[in-house]
Amino acid sequence: MESDTFIAWGSHDGSAGLGLTVPFNGEPMSVGNGVMVALAAKDKDEVNRIYKLALSLGGTCEGPPGPRGEGGFYAAYFRDPEGNKLNAFVMG
């Protein structure tokens, strides 16, 4: 995946990938800003469940579950109580 501010590499088998991006909020990169852990989910329902669980445990919303761009990428973004950014996603 690639855009003007983002590029990511990975494989179709669901193994770990790597993505680089300009921080979404335009602020300088720091711990929790410009750094994110992405969790591969088995389907959209699991993305939704992970997101709801994260918020119920004190996380904060960084982008509710939904489609992103084109190509079937579906994701939810959130921060844990310490400020670390995470997402849950499914492709296709």
N, C-alpha and C. Protein backbone atom coordinates (compact mmCIF):
# COMPACT_ATOMS: atom_id res chain seq x y z
N MET A 1 0.85 -1.18 0.00
CA MET A 1 0.00 0.00 0.00
C MET A 1 0.89 1.23 0.00
N GLU A 2 0.44 2.28 -0.71
CA GLU A 2 1.25 3.49 -0.79
C GLU A 2 0.37 4.70 -1.09
N SER A 3 0.73 5.84 -0.49
CA SER A 3 0.09 7.12 -0.79
C SER A 3 1.16 8.20 -0.66
N ASP A 4 0.75 9.46 -0.68
CA ASP A 4 1.71 10.56 -0.55
C ASP A 4 2.38 10.60 0.81
N THR A 5 1.71 10.08 1.84
CA THR A 5 2.25 10.17 3.21
C THR A 5 2.45 8.82 3.88
N PHE A 6 2.26 7.72 3.15
CA PHE A 6 2.25 6.40 3.77
C PHE A 6 2.76 5.35 2.78
N ILE A 7 3.52 4.40 3.31
CA ILE A 7 3.90 3.23 2.52
C ILE A 7 3.98 2.03 3.46
N ALA A 8 3.51 0.89 3.02
CA ALA A 8 3.53 -0.32 3.84
C ALA A 8 3.90 -1.52 2.99
N TRP A 9 4.63 -2.43 3.58
CA TRP A 9 5.00 -3.69 2.94
C TRP A 9 4.51 -4.83 3.80
N GLY A 10 4.09 -5.88 3.17
CA GLY A 10 3.64 -7.07 3.88
C GLY A 10 3.37 -8.17 2.88
N SER A 11 2.93 -9.32 3.37
CA SER A 11 2.60 -10.42 2.49
C SER A 11 1.13 -10.77 2.66
N HIS A 12 0.60 -11.45 1.67
CA HIS A 12 -0.81 -11.82 1.69
C HIS A 12 -1.14 -12.95 2.66
N ASP A 13 -0.12 -13.59 3.22
CA ASP A 13 -0.38 -14.71 4.12
C ASP A 13 -0.66 -14.28 5.56
N GLY A 14 -0.68 -12.96 5.83
CA GLY A 14 -1.01 -12.47 7.16
C GLY A 14 0.17 -12.34 8.09
N SER A 15 1.38 -12.58 7.60
CA SER A 15 2.54 -12.43 8.48
C SER A 15 2.81 -10.96 8.73
N ALA A 16 3.73 -10.68 9.62
CA ALA A 16 4.03 -9.31 10.02
C ALA A 16 4.46 -8.47 8.82
N GLY A 17 4.13 -7.19 8.88
CA GLY A 17 4.51 -6.25 7.84
C GLY A 17 5.14 -5.02 8.47
N LEU A 18 5.50 -4.06 7.63
CA LEU A 18 6.11 -2.83 8.08
C LEU A 18 5.48 -1.67 7.33
N GLY A 19 5.14 -0.62 8.05
CA GLY A 19 4.58 0.58 7.43
C GLY A 19 5.28 1.82 7.95
N LEU A 20 5.45 2.80 7.09
CA LEU A 20 6.04 4.07 7.46
C LEU A 20 5.08 5.18 7.04
N THR A 21 4.89 6.16 7.92
CA THR A 21 3.94 7.22 7.62
C THR A 21 4.33 8.52 8.31
N VAL A 22 3.85 9.60 7.75
CA VAL A 22 3.92 10.89 8.42
C VAL A 22 2.84 10.86 9.49
N PRO A 23 3.10 11.33 10.72
CA PRO A 23 2.06 11.31 11.74
C PRO A 23 0.76 11.96 11.24
N PHE A 24 -0.35 11.28 11.45
CA PHE A 24 -1.65 11.70 10.94
C PHE A 24 -2.05 13.10 11.40
N ASN A 25 -1.70 13.44 12.66
CA ASN A 25 -2.13 14.72 13.22
C ASN A 25 -1.20 15.88 12.85
N GLY A 26 -0.14 15.62 12.07
CA GLY A 26 0.76 16.68 11.64
C GLY A 26 1.77 17.10 12.69
N GLU A 27 1.70 16.53 13.88
CA GLU A 27 2.65 16.84 14.95
C GLU A 27 3.94 16.04 14.74
N PRO A 28 5.04 16.45 15.40
CA PRO A 28 6.29 15.69 15.27
C PRO A 28 6.13 14.24 15.75
N MET A 29 6.92 13.35 15.16
CA MET A 29 6.92 11.96 15.58
C MET A 29 7.46 11.85 17.00
N SER A 30 6.83 11.00 17.80
CA SER A 30 7.27 10.71 19.17
C SER A 30 6.70 9.35 19.54
N VAL A 31 7.01 8.87 20.73
CA VAL A 31 6.42 7.62 21.18
C VAL A 31 4.90 7.81 21.17
N GLY A 32 4.20 6.94 20.49
CA GLY A 32 2.75 7.03 20.40
C GLY A 32 2.26 7.95 19.31
N ASN A 33 3.15 8.65 18.60
CA ASN A 33 2.74 9.49 17.48
C ASN A 33 3.70 9.22 16.33
N GLY A 34 3.20 8.51 15.33
CA GLY A 34 4.05 8.07 14.23
C GLY A 34 4.55 6.65 14.44
N VAL A 35 4.14 6.02 15.54
CA VAL A 35 4.48 4.63 15.85
C VAL A 35 3.17 3.91 16.13
N MET A 36 2.95 2.75 15.49
CA MET A 36 1.68 2.05 15.68
C MET A 36 1.89 0.55 15.52
N VAL A 37 1.21 -0.21 16.33
CA VAL A 37 1.17 -1.66 16.20
C VAL A 37 -0.15 -2.01 15.52
N ALA A 38 -0.09 -2.82 14.45
CA ALA A 38 -1.29 -3.23 13.72
C ALA A 38 -1.55 -4.70 13.99
N LEU A 39 -2.79 -5.01 14.37
CA LEU A 39 -3.20 -6.37 14.72
C LEU A 39 -4.10 -6.92 13.61
N ALA A 40 -3.66 -7.99 12.95
CA ALA A 40 -4.46 -8.60 11.89
C ALA A 40 -5.64 -9.35 12.50
N ALA A 41 -6.84 -9.05 12.02
CA ALA A 41 -8.06 -9.71 12.49
C ALA A 41 -8.52 -10.71 11.42
N LYS A 42 -9.39 -11.64 11.82
CA LYS A 42 -9.87 -12.64 10.85
C LYS A 42 -11.01 -12.12 9.98
N ASP A 43 -11.76 -11.11 10.48
CA ASP A 43 -12.86 -10.54 9.71
C ASP A 43 -13.28 -9.20 10.32
N LYS A 44 -14.23 -8.52 9.69
CA LYS A 44 -14.68 -7.21 10.17
C LYS A 44 -15.28 -7.28 11.56
N ASP A 45 -16.00 -8.35 11.86
CA ASP A 45 -16.58 -8.49 13.20
C ASP A 45 -15.49 -8.52 14.27
N GLU A 46 -14.39 -9.19 13.98
CA GLU A 46 -13.30 -9.23 14.96
C GLU A 46 -12.66 -7.86 15.12
N VAL A 47 -12.51 -7.10 14.03
CA VAL A 47 -12.02 -5.72 14.13
C VAL A 47 -12.93 -4.93 15.08
N ASN A 48 -14.23 -5.04 14.88
CA ASN A 48 -15.19 -4.33 15.71
C ASN A 48 -15.09 -4.74 17.18
N ARG A 49 -14.94 -6.06 17.43
CA ARG A 49 -14.84 -6.54 18.82
C ARG A 49 -13.56 -6.04 19.49
N ILE A 50 -12.44 -6.08 18.78
CA ILE A 50 -11.17 -5.61 19.35
C ILE A 50 -11.28 -4.13 19.71
N TYR A 51 -11.84 -3.34 18.81
CA TYR A 51 -12.01 -1.90 19.04
C TYR A 51 -12.89 -1.65 20.27
N LYS A 52 -14.03 -2.31 20.35
CA LYS A 52 -14.93 -2.12 21.49
C LYS A 52 -14.25 -2.55 22.80
N LEU A 53 -13.52 -3.64 22.77
CA LEU A 53 -12.81 -4.10 23.97
C LEU A 53 -11.75 -3.08 24.39
N ALA A 54 -10.99 -2.59 23.42
CA ALA A 54 -9.96 -1.60 23.74
C ALA A 54 -10.56 -0.38 24.42
N LEU A 55 -11.66 0.13 23.89
CA LEU A 55 -12.30 1.31 24.50
C LEU A 55 -12.87 0.99 25.87
N SER A 56 -13.41 -0.22 26.04
CA SER A 56 -13.97 -0.59 27.35
C SER A 56 -12.90 -0.73 28.42
N LEU A 57 -11.65 -0.95 28.00
CA LEU A 57 -10.54 -1.10 28.94
C LEU A 57 -9.76 0.20 29.15
N GLY A 58 -10.32 1.31 28.69
CA GLY A 58 -9.69 2.60 28.92
C GLY A 58 -8.98 3.20 27.72
N GLY A 59 -9.05 2.53 26.57
CA GLY A 59 -8.45 3.08 25.36
C GLY A 59 -9.28 4.24 24.83
N THR A 60 -8.69 5.00 23.91
CA THR A 60 -9.39 6.12 23.30
C THR A 60 -9.43 5.94 21.78
N CYS A 61 -10.48 6.45 21.17
CA CYS A 61 -10.69 6.31 19.74
C CYS A 61 -9.74 7.19 18.95
N GLU A 62 -9.13 6.60 17.92
CA GLU A 62 -8.31 7.33 16.95
C GLU A 62 -8.90 7.18 15.55
N GLY A 63 -10.03 6.51 15.43
CA GLY A 63 -10.71 6.27 14.15
C GLY A 63 -11.57 5.04 14.28
N PRO A 64 -12.90 5.20 14.26
CA PRO A 64 -13.80 4.06 14.47
C PRO A 64 -13.68 3.03 13.35
N PRO A 65 -14.17 1.81 13.58
CA PRO A 65 -14.11 0.77 12.56
C PRO A 65 -14.80 1.21 11.27
N GLY A 66 -14.17 0.88 10.15
CA GLY A 66 -14.76 1.19 8.86
C GLY A 66 -13.78 0.98 7.74
N PRO A 67 -14.27 1.08 6.50
CA PRO A 67 -13.39 0.92 5.34
C PRO A 67 -12.42 2.09 5.23
N ARG A 68 -11.23 1.81 4.76
CA ARG A 68 -10.20 2.83 4.56
C ARG A 68 -9.70 2.70 3.12
N GLY A 69 -9.80 3.76 2.36
CA GLY A 69 -9.31 3.74 0.99
C GLY A 69 -10.08 2.75 0.14
N GLU A 70 -9.40 2.22 -0.86
CA GLU A 70 -9.99 1.24 -1.76
C GLU A 70 -9.27 -0.09 -1.60
N GLY A 71 -9.87 -1.15 -2.07
CA GLY A 71 -9.22 -2.45 -2.03
C GLY A 71 -9.61 -3.34 -0.88
N GLY A 72 -10.62 -2.93 -0.09
CA GLY A 72 -11.11 -3.81 0.95
C GLY A 72 -10.41 -3.71 2.28
N PHE A 73 -9.60 -2.68 2.51
CA PHE A 73 -8.95 -2.51 3.81
C PHE A 73 -9.98 -1.97 4.80
N TYR A 74 -10.18 -2.67 5.92
CA TYR A 74 -11.15 -2.31 6.96
C TYR A 74 -10.37 -2.25 8.27
N ALA A 75 -10.47 -1.14 9.00
CA ALA A 75 -9.64 -0.99 10.19
C ALA A 75 -10.31 -0.11 11.23
N ALA A 76 -9.82 -0.24 12.46
CA ALA A 76 -10.19 0.61 13.59
C ALA A 76 -8.88 1.03 14.27
N TYR A 77 -8.83 2.28 14.71
CA TYR A 77 -7.62 2.81 15.33
C TYR A 77 -7.94 3.27 16.75
N PHE A 78 -7.01 3.01 17.68
CA PHE A 78 -7.23 3.38 19.07
C PHE A 78 -5.89 3.51 19.78
N ARG A 79 -5.92 4.17 20.94
CA ARG A 79 -4.74 4.28 21.80
C ARG A 79 -5.02 3.56 23.11
N ASP A 80 -3.99 2.94 23.64
CA ASP A 80 -4.13 2.33 24.96
C ASP A 80 -4.01 3.43 26.02
N PRO A 81 -4.27 3.11 27.30
CA PRO A 81 -4.22 4.15 28.34
C PRO A 81 -2.86 4.84 28.47
N GLU A 82 -1.79 4.23 28.00
CA GLU A 82 -0.46 4.85 28.06
C GLU A 82 -0.16 5.72 26.84
N GLY A 83 -1.08 5.75 25.87
CA GLY A 83 -0.90 6.60 24.69
C GLY A 83 -0.35 5.91 23.46
N ASN A 84 -0.07 4.60 23.54
CA ASN A 84 0.43 3.87 22.38
C ASN A 84 -0.69 3.67 21.37
N LYS A 85 -0.40 3.91 20.08
CA LYS A 85 -1.41 3.77 19.04
C LYS A 85 -1.40 2.36 18.47
N LEU A 86 -2.60 1.81 18.31
CA LEU A 86 -2.78 0.48 17.74
C LEU A 86 -3.90 0.52 16.71
N ASN A 87 -3.94 -0.50 15.86
CA ASN A 87 -5.09 -0.68 15.01
C ASN A 87 -5.37 -2.16 14.85
N ALA A 88 -6.60 -2.46 14.57
CA ALA A 88 -7.03 -3.81 14.19
C ALA A 88 -7.52 -3.69 12.76
N PHE A 89 -7.16 -4.64 11.90
CA PHE A 89 -7.50 -4.52 10.49
C PHE A 89 -7.75 -5.87 9.85
N VAL A 90 -8.40 -5.82 8.72
CA VAL A 90 -8.56 -6.99 7.85
C VAL A 90 -8.49 -6.49 6.41
N MET A 91 -7.87 -7.28 5.55
CA MET A 91 -7.76 -6.94 4.13
C MET A 91 -8.79 -7.77 3.36
N GLY A 92 -9.44 -7.12 2.39
CA GLY A 92 -10.33 -7.84 1.48
C GLY A 92 -11.63 -8.28 2.06
